[in-house]
Amino acid sequence: MTLDYGQYIVRDPGICAGEPVVRGTRVTVRTVLASLAEGMSVAEIVKDFPTLDETAVRAVIAFAAASAE
């Protein structure tokens, strides 16, 4: 089953200049992906960004994968 990232990732010109963010936060997709690229685990990201949960981080990954297609 593929994660429906659409319910987690939004773009709004009034939030972070329209960059994709996790819904209900100002945490950008780029920030989460950079954290993963630096070697942080999902648990570490959730600890650093308490407005996120594991599913939200996985939604960011799914969004990035779909965007790369």
N, C-alpha and C. Protein backbone atom coordinates (compact mmCIF):
# COMPACT_ATOMS: atom_id res chain seq x y z
N MET A 1 0.84 -1.19 0.00
CA MET A 1 0.00 0.00 0.00
C MET A 1 0.88 1.24 0.00
N THR A 2 0.57 2.18 -0.87
CA THR A 2 1.33 3.42 -0.97
C THR A 2 0.73 4.46 -0.03
N LEU A 3 1.60 5.17 0.65
CA LEU A 3 1.16 6.22 1.57
C LEU A 3 0.60 7.39 0.78
N ASP A 4 -0.58 7.86 1.13
CA ASP A 4 -1.19 9.02 0.49
C ASP A 4 -0.61 10.28 1.11
N TYR A 5 0.48 10.76 0.50
CA TYR A 5 1.17 11.92 1.07
C TYR A 5 0.35 13.20 0.93
N GLY A 6 -0.64 13.20 0.05
CA GLY A 6 -1.44 14.39 -0.18
C GLY A 6 -2.16 14.90 1.05
N GLN A 7 -2.46 14.03 1.98
CA GLN A 7 -3.12 14.48 3.21
C GLN A 7 -2.12 15.06 4.21
N TYR A 8 -0.83 14.90 3.94
CA TYR A 8 0.20 15.39 4.85
C TYR A 8 1.00 16.58 4.31
N ILE A 9 1.14 16.66 3.00
CA ILE A 9 1.99 17.68 2.39
C ILE A 9 1.10 18.71 1.69
N VAL A 10 1.34 19.99 1.99
CA VAL A 10 0.55 21.06 1.37
C VAL A 10 1.48 22.18 0.90
N ARG A 11 0.96 22.95 -0.04
CA ARG A 11 1.64 24.16 -0.51
C ARG A 11 0.65 25.31 -0.35
N ASP A 12 1.08 26.34 0.31
CA ASP A 12 0.25 27.53 0.52
C ASP A 12 1.16 28.74 0.38
N PRO A 13 0.83 29.65 -0.54
CA PRO A 13 1.70 30.81 -0.74
C PRO A 13 1.93 31.63 0.54
N GLY A 14 1.02 31.52 1.51
CA GLY A 14 1.16 32.26 2.76
C GLY A 14 2.01 31.55 3.80
N ILE A 15 2.45 30.34 3.51
CA ILE A 15 3.26 29.58 4.46
C ILE A 15 4.58 29.22 3.78
N CYS A 16 5.67 29.70 4.35
CA CYS A 16 7.02 29.40 3.85
C CYS A 16 7.14 29.67 2.35
N ALA A 17 6.55 30.76 1.90
CA ALA A 17 6.63 31.20 0.50
C ALA A 17 6.17 30.13 -0.49
N GLY A 18 5.25 29.29 -0.05
CA GLY A 18 4.69 28.29 -0.95
C GLY A 18 5.49 27.00 -1.07
N GLU A 19 6.58 26.90 -0.30
CA GLU A 19 7.32 25.63 -0.29
C GLU A 19 6.43 24.54 0.28
N PRO A 20 6.58 23.30 -0.17
CA PRO A 20 5.78 22.23 0.43
C PRO A 20 6.17 22.02 1.89
N VAL A 21 5.15 21.95 2.73
CA VAL A 21 5.34 21.76 4.16
C VAL A 21 4.45 20.64 4.65
N VAL A 22 4.74 20.14 5.84
CA VAL A 22 3.86 19.17 6.48
C VAL A 22 2.64 19.94 7.01
N ARG A 23 1.47 19.47 6.63
CA ARG A 23 0.21 20.15 6.99
C ARG A 23 0.17 20.49 8.48
N GLY A 24 -0.24 21.72 8.77
CA GLY A 24 -0.40 22.16 10.15
C GLY A 24 0.90 22.59 10.81
N THR A 25 1.99 22.62 10.03
CA THR A 25 3.29 23.02 10.57
C THR A 25 3.96 23.99 9.60
N ARG A 26 5.12 24.47 10.00
CA ARG A 26 5.98 25.24 9.10
C ARG A 26 7.25 24.45 8.82
N VAL A 27 7.17 23.15 9.00
CA VAL A 27 8.31 22.26 8.72
C VAL A 27 8.26 21.92 7.23
N THR A 28 9.31 22.35 6.51
CA THR A 28 9.32 22.14 5.07
C THR A 28 9.78 20.73 4.72
N VAL A 29 9.33 20.29 3.55
CA VAL A 29 9.78 19.01 3.02
C VAL A 29 11.30 19.04 2.91
N ARG A 30 11.84 20.15 2.43
CA ARG A 30 13.28 20.27 2.26
C ARG A 30 14.02 20.06 3.59
N THR A 31 13.51 20.60 4.67
CA THR A 31 14.14 20.45 5.99
C THR A 31 14.18 18.99 6.41
N VAL A 32 13.07 18.29 6.23
CA VAL A 32 13.02 16.88 6.61
C VAL A 32 13.97 16.06 5.75
N LEU A 33 13.97 16.31 4.43
CA LEU A 33 14.86 15.57 3.55
C LEU A 33 16.33 15.85 3.87
N ALA A 34 16.66 17.10 4.19
CA ALA A 34 18.04 17.43 4.56
C ALA A 34 18.44 16.70 5.83
N SER A 35 17.53 16.60 6.77
CA SER A 35 17.82 15.88 8.02
C SER A 35 18.09 14.40 7.73
N LEU A 36 17.28 13.81 6.85
CA LEU A 36 17.50 12.41 6.47
C LEU A 36 18.85 12.26 5.76
N ALA A 37 19.16 13.20 4.88
CA ALA A 37 20.42 13.14 4.14
C ALA A 37 21.63 13.25 5.06
N GLU A 38 21.46 13.95 6.18
CA GLU A 38 22.54 14.08 7.16
C GLU A 38 22.68 12.83 8.03
N GLY A 39 21.77 11.87 7.83
CA GLY A 39 21.88 10.61 8.56
C GLY A 39 20.97 10.49 9.77
N MET A 40 20.10 11.47 9.97
CA MET A 40 19.18 11.38 11.11
C MET A 40 18.15 10.28 10.87
N SER A 41 17.76 9.62 11.93
CA SER A 41 16.71 8.61 11.83
C SER A 41 15.34 9.30 11.91
N VAL A 42 14.32 8.56 11.55
CA VAL A 42 12.97 9.10 11.65
C VAL A 42 12.68 9.49 13.10
N ALA A 43 13.09 8.66 14.05
CA ALA A 43 12.86 8.95 15.47
C ALA A 43 13.56 10.24 15.89
N GLU A 44 14.77 10.47 15.39
CA GLU A 44 15.50 11.70 15.72
C GLU A 44 14.81 12.93 15.14
N ILE A 45 14.28 12.79 13.94
CA ILE A 45 13.57 13.91 13.31
C ILE A 45 12.31 14.23 14.10
N VAL A 46 11.58 13.21 14.50
CA VAL A 46 10.36 13.43 15.30
C VAL A 46 10.71 14.09 16.63
N LYS A 47 11.83 13.71 17.20
CA LYS A 47 12.26 14.32 18.47
C LYS A 47 12.62 15.80 18.26
N ASP A 48 13.30 16.10 17.15
CA ASP A 48 13.70 17.49 16.86
C ASP A 48 12.52 18.35 16.43
N PHE A 49 11.52 17.74 15.81
CA PHE A 49 10.35 18.47 15.32
C PHE A 49 9.10 17.81 15.91
N PRO A 50 8.75 18.16 17.15
CA PRO A 50 7.66 17.47 17.84
C PRO A 50 6.28 17.64 17.19
N THR A 51 6.15 18.56 16.23
CA THR A 51 4.87 18.68 15.53
C THR A 51 4.72 17.59 14.47
N LEU A 52 5.79 16.83 14.23
CA LEU A 52 5.75 15.73 13.26
C LEU A 52 5.59 14.40 13.98
N ASP A 53 5.08 13.42 13.24
CA ASP A 53 5.09 12.04 13.72
C ASP A 53 5.74 11.18 12.63
N GLU A 54 5.91 9.92 12.91
CA GLU A 54 6.59 9.03 11.97
C GLU A 54 5.89 8.98 10.62
N THR A 55 4.56 8.98 10.63
CA THR A 55 3.82 8.92 9.38
C THR A 55 4.06 10.17 8.54
N ALA A 56 4.14 11.32 9.17
CA ALA A 56 4.40 12.57 8.45
C ALA A 56 5.78 12.52 7.79
N VAL A 57 6.77 12.00 8.48
CA VAL A 57 8.11 11.89 7.90
C VAL A 57 8.08 10.93 6.72
N ARG A 58 7.38 9.84 6.85
CA ARG A 58 7.28 8.89 5.74
C ARG A 58 6.51 9.51 4.56
N ALA A 59 5.55 10.37 4.85
CA ALA A 59 4.83 11.07 3.79
C ALA A 59 5.77 11.99 3.02
N VAL A 60 6.69 12.63 3.73
CA VAL A 60 7.69 13.48 3.07
C VAL A 60 8.53 12.63 2.11
N ILE A 61 8.93 11.45 2.56
CA ILE A 61 9.72 10.57 1.71
C ILE A 61 8.91 10.14 0.48
N ALA A 62 7.65 9.81 0.67
CA ALA A 62 6.78 9.41 -0.45
C ALA A 62 6.60 10.56 -1.43
N PHE A 63 6.43 11.77 -0.89
CA PHE A 63 6.29 12.97 -1.74
C PHE A 63 7.55 13.18 -2.57
N ALA A 64 8.70 13.05 -1.95
CA ALA A 64 9.97 13.23 -2.66
C ALA A 64 10.12 12.17 -3.75
N ALA A 65 9.76 10.94 -3.45
CA ALA A 65 9.87 9.87 -4.43
C ALA A 65 8.95 10.14 -5.62
N ALA A 66 7.73 10.57 -5.35
CA ALA A 66 6.79 10.86 -6.43
C ALA A 66 7.25 12.06 -7.24
N SER A 67 7.84 13.04 -6.59
CA SER A 67 8.31 14.24 -7.27
C SER A 67 9.50 13.93 -8.18
N ALA A 68 10.26 12.90 -7.85
CA ALA A 68 11.44 12.54 -8.64
C ALA A 68 11.07 11.77 -9.90
N GLU A 69 9.84 11.31 -9.98
CA GLU A 69 9.42 10.53 -11.17
C GLU A 69 9.30 11.39 -12.39
